[in-house]
C-alpha atoms as a PDB file:
ATOM      1  CA  GLN A   1     110.871  95.509  91.585  1.00  0.00           C
ATOM      2  CA  LEU A   2     114.156  93.516  89.915  1.00  0.00           C
ATOM      3  CA  GLN A   3     117.337  94.308  90.044  1.00  0.00           C
ATOM      4  CA  LEU A   4     119.295  92.060  87.039  1.00  0.00           C
ATOM      5  CA  VAL A   5     123.088  91.283  86.636  1.00  0.00           C
ATOM      6  CA  GLU A   6     124.749  90.217  84.011  1.00  0.00           C
ATOM      7  CA  SER A   7     127.878  87.717  84.029  1.00  0.00           C
ATOM      8  CA  GLY A   8     129.928  85.176  81.808  1.00  0.00           C
ATOM      9  CA  GLY A   9     130.927  87.684  78.982  1.00  0.00           C
ATOM     10  CA  GLY A  10     134.807  87.114  77.811  1.00  0.00           C
ATOM     11  CA  LEU A  11     137.031  87.061  74.604  1.00  0.00           C
ATOM     12  CA  VAL A  12     136.065  83.913  73.094  1.00  0.00           C
ATOM     13  CA  GLN A  13     137.616  82.157  69.363  1.00  0.00           C
ATOM     14  CA  ALA A  14     135.426  82.048  66.654  1.00  0.00           C
ATOM     15  CA  GLY A  15     133.450  78.141  67.361  1.00  0.00           C
ATOM     16  CA  GLY A  16     134.301  78.329  70.793  1.00  0.00           C
ATOM     17  CA  SER A  17     131.444  78.389  73.453  1.00  0.00           C
ATOM     18  CA  LEU A  18     130.418  81.161  76.879  1.00  0.00           C
ATOM     19  CA  ARG A  19     127.433  81.174  79.389  1.00  0.00           C
ATOM     20  CA  LEU A  20     126.284  84.175  80.403  1.00  0.00           C
ATOM     21  CA  SER A  21     124.043  84.573  83.671  1.00  0.00           C
ATOM     22  CA  CYS A  22     121.362  86.618  84.477  1.00  0.00           C
ATOM     23  CA  ALA A  23     120.664  86.881  88.111  1.00  0.00           C
ATOM     24  CA  ALA A  24     118.011  88.548  89.738  1.00  0.00           C
ATOM     25  CA  SER A  25     116.522  89.948  93.049  1.00  0.00           C
ATOM     26  CA  GLY A  26     113.084  90.102  93.942  1.00  0.00           C
ATOM     27  CA  ARG A  27     110.302  88.431  95.043  1.00  0.00           C
ATOM     28  CA  THR A  28     108.375  87.728  91.953  1.00  0.00           C
ATOM     29  CA  PHE A  29     110.950  87.206  89.519  1.00  0.00           C
ATOM     30  CA  SER A  30     108.801  83.689  88.708  1.00  0.00           C
ATOM     31  CA  GLU A  31     106.585  85.915  87.190  1.00  0.00           C
ATOM     32  CA  HIS A  32     108.529  87.465  83.972  1.00  0.00           C
ATOM     33  CA  ALA A  33     109.156  86.452  81.057  1.00  0.00           C
ATOM     34  CA  VAL A  34     113.024  87.119  80.971  1.00  0.00           C
ATOM     35  CA  THR A  35     114.718  88.077  77.121  1.00  0.00           C
ATOM     36  CA  TRP A  36     118.184  88.615  75.998  1.00  0.00           C
ATOM     37  CA  PHE A  37     119.344  90.862  73.780  1.00  0.00           C
ATOM     38  CA  ARG A  38     122.042  91.958  72.536  1.00  0.00           C
ATOM     39  CA  GLN A  39     123.739  95.530  71.016  1.00  0.00           C
ATOM     40  CA  ALA A  40     126.685  95.394  68.762  1.00  0.00           C
ATOM     41  CA  PRO A  41     128.859  98.769  67.997  1.00  0.00           C
ATOM     42  CA  GLY A  42     126.933 101.024  65.253  1.00  0.00           C
ATOM     43  CA  LYS A  43     123.967  98.868  65.513  1.00  0.00           C
ATOM     44  CA  GLU A  44     120.637  98.501  67.504  1.00  0.00           C
ATOM     45  CA  ARG A  45     119.694  96.248  70.213  1.00  0.00           C
ATOM     46  CA  GLU A  46     118.469  93.477  68.958  1.00  0.00           C
ATOM     47  CA  PHE A  47     116.100  90.478  70.442  1.00  0.00           C
ATOM     48  CA  VAL A  48     118.197  87.419  71.014  1.00  0.00           C
ATOM     49  CA  SER A  49     116.359  85.038  73.237  1.00  0.00           C
ATOM     50  CA  SER A  50     114.021  84.779  75.507  1.00  0.00           C
ATOM     51  CA  ILE A  51     112.056  82.134  77.772  1.00  0.00           C
ATOM     52  CA  THR A  52     108.560  82.420  79.274  1.00  0.00           C
ATOM     53  CA  SER A  53     107.375  82.820  83.250  1.00  0.00           C
ATOM     54  CA  ARG A  54     105.009  80.116  83.565  1.00  0.00           C
ATOM     55  CA  THR A  55     104.967  77.748  80.778  1.00  0.00           C
ATOM     56  CA  GLY A  56     109.356  78.132  79.992  1.00  0.00           C
ATOM     57  CA  ASN A  57     108.846  78.688  76.568  1.00  0.00           C
ATOM     58  CA  THR A  58     111.665  79.527  74.689  1.00  0.00           C
ATOM     59  CA  TYR A  59     111.967  81.038  71.610  1.00  0.00           C
ATOM     60  CA  TYR A  60     115.608  82.520  69.685  1.00  0.00           C
ATOM     61  CA  THR A  61     115.867  85.048  66.302  1.00  0.00           C
ATOM     62  CA  ASP A  62     116.598  82.860  63.258  1.00  0.00           C
ATOM     63  CA  SER A  63     120.736  83.230  63.795  1.00  0.00           C
ATOM     64  CA  VAL A  64     121.536  82.197  66.884  1.00  0.00           C
ATOM     65  CA  LYS A  65     118.846  78.514  66.627  1.00  0.00           C
ATOM     66  CA  GLY A  66     120.983  75.780  67.380  1.00  0.00           C
ATOM     67  CA  ARG A  67     123.497  77.793  68.456  1.00  0.00           C
ATOM     68  CA  PHE A  68     122.222  79.427  71.990  1.00  0.00           C
ATOM     69  CA  THR A  69     120.293  77.880  74.536  1.00  0.00           C
ATOM     70  CA  ILE A  70     118.253  79.442  77.606  1.00  0.00           C
ATOM     71  CA  SER A  71     116.461  78.211  80.154  1.00  0.00           C
ATOM     72  CA  ARG A  72     115.739  79.951  83.448  1.00  0.00           C
ATOM     73  CA  ASP A  73     116.085  78.308  87.119  1.00  0.00           C
ATOM     74  CA  ASN A  74     113.543  80.021  89.397  1.00  0.00           C
ATOM     75  CA  ALA A  75     114.439  78.559  93.378  1.00  0.00           C
ATOM     76  CA  LYS A  76     117.840  80.319  92.054  1.00  0.00           C
ATOM     77  CA  LYS A  77     116.648  83.671  90.156  1.00  0.00           C
ATOM     78  CA  MET A  78     118.740  82.333  87.216  1.00  0.00           C
ATOM     79  CA  VAL A  79     118.659  82.426  83.405  1.00  0.00           C
ATOM     80  CA  TYR A  80     121.004  81.321  81.455  1.00  0.00           C
ATOM     81  CA  LEU A  81     122.516  81.535  77.771  1.00  0.00           C
ATOM     82  CA  GLN A  82     124.618  79.236  76.510  1.00  0.00           C
ATOM     83  CA  MET A  83     125.960  79.969  73.277  1.00  0.00           C
ATOM     84  CA  ASN A  84     127.816  77.544  70.998  1.00  0.00           C
ATOM     85  CA  ASN A  85     129.751  77.779  67.808  1.00  0.00           C
ATOM     86  CA  LEU A  86     130.591  81.430  68.543  1.00  0.00           C
ATOM     87  CA  LYS A  87     130.709  83.567  65.571  1.00  0.00           C
ATOM     88  CA  PRO A  88     132.422  87.114  64.994  1.00  0.00           C
ATOM     89  CA  GLN A  89     128.798  88.433  64.422  1.00  0.00           C
ATOM     90  CA  ASP A  90     128.098  87.535  67.502  1.00  0.00           C
ATOM     91  CA  THR A  91     130.223  90.044  69.645  1.00  0.00           C
ATOM     92  CA  ALA A  92     127.971  92.639  71.118  1.00  0.00           C
ATOM     93  CA  VAL A  93     127.055  93.710  74.665  1.00  0.00           C
ATOM     94  CA  TYR A  94     124.363  91.099  75.654  1.00  0.00           C
ATOM     95  CA  TYR A  95     121.368  92.941  78.395  1.00  0.00           C
ATOM     96  CA  CYS A  96     119.213  90.470  79.677  1.00  0.00           C
ATOM     97  CA  ALA A  97     116.102  91.978  80.447  1.00  0.00           C
ATOM     98  CA  ALA A  98     112.441  91.133  82.168  1.00  0.00           C
ATOM     99  CA  LEU A  99     109.443  91.534  81.294  1.00  0.00           C
ATOM    100  CA  LEU A 100     105.751  90.772  84.291  1.00  0.00           C
ATOM    101  CA  SER A 101     104.344  88.385  82.535  1.00  0.00           C
ATOM    102  CA  GLY A 102     102.473  85.152  82.861  1.00  0.00           C
ATOM    103  CA  SER A 103     101.591  84.969  78.927  1.00  0.00           C
ATOM    104  CA  SER A 104     103.051  81.768  77.182  1.00  0.00           C
ATOM    105  CA  ALA A 105     104.161  84.737  73.935  1.00  0.00           C
ATOM    106  CA  VAL A 106     107.157  86.392  73.260  1.00  0.00           C
ATOM    107  CA  PHE A 107     107.817  89.892  73.740  1.00  0.00           C
ATOM    108  CA  TYR A 108     110.662  91.525  70.392  1.00  0.00           C
ATOM    109  CA  GLY A 109     110.190  94.751  71.394  1.00  0.00           C
ATOM    110  CA  ASP A 110     113.005  96.140  73.732  1.00  0.00           C
ATOM    111  CA  TYR A 111     110.742  98.809  74.796  1.00  0.00           C
ATOM    112  CA  GLU A 112     108.027  96.475  76.197  1.00  0.00           C
ATOM    113  CA  TYR A 113     110.552  95.598  79.275  1.00  0.00           C
ATOM    114  CA  ASP A 114     110.407  97.024  82.552  1.00  0.00           C
ATOM    115  CA  TYR A 115     113.828  95.782  84.069  1.00  0.00           C
ATOM    116  CA  TRP A 116     117.358  95.843  82.673  1.00  0.00           C
ATOM    117  CA  GLY A 117     120.949  94.792  83.801  1.00  0.00           C
ATOM    118  CA  GLN A 118     123.642  96.823  82.830  1.00  0.00           C
ATOM    119  CA  GLY A 119     125.096  94.030  80.119  1.00  0.00           C
ATOM    120  CA  THR A 120     127.940  91.881  79.480  1.00  0.00           C
ATOM    121  CA  GLN A 121     131.048  91.757  76.366  1.00  0.00           C
ATOM    122  CA  VAL A 122     131.042  89.177  74.309  1.00  0.00           C
ATOM    123  CA  THR A 123     134.044  89.937  71.647  1.00  0.00           C
ATOM    124  CA  VAL A 124     134.601  87.017  69.272  1.00  0.00           C
ATOM    125  CA  SER A 125     137.400  86.882  67.485  1.00  0.00           C
ATOM    126  CA  SER A 126     138.192  85.056  63.912  1.00  0.00           C
END
C-alpha cells in the first residue's frame, strides 16, 4: 500500500518554473513506477511523464520534452517534476500515480495505476 501526496503547484507567469513533489509512504516505494498525469478543465486526464522503479528510465509526452524533468529519490520516497518554460497550456491539476512494477517499460494509461495523490493545481498565466 502506498499513499501519495503532491505539493508545489501554484500560479506562475508564462516562461516561469515550478517544481512539483510527490511524497510517498509505504515500504515498497522503490519498487513502483511513478507517473505524473494532468487534467485540464473539460479535458481528459493525460500522461505527462514517468520514471521506472529499478532503472530510473524516464519518459515524457512530446509537449513537455525539453521543458520538464522527472526524477526520484528512493531514500526519501520522493518523486519530483521540474517544470521550466511553462506555458498557459500547461495549466491543469497535476496528479502523481504509482504502479508496482520492476519493468523498464512505461505505462501510459491512467487505468493501470493503483495509487493516486489528491492533485495539485498548476496555473500558468499569459
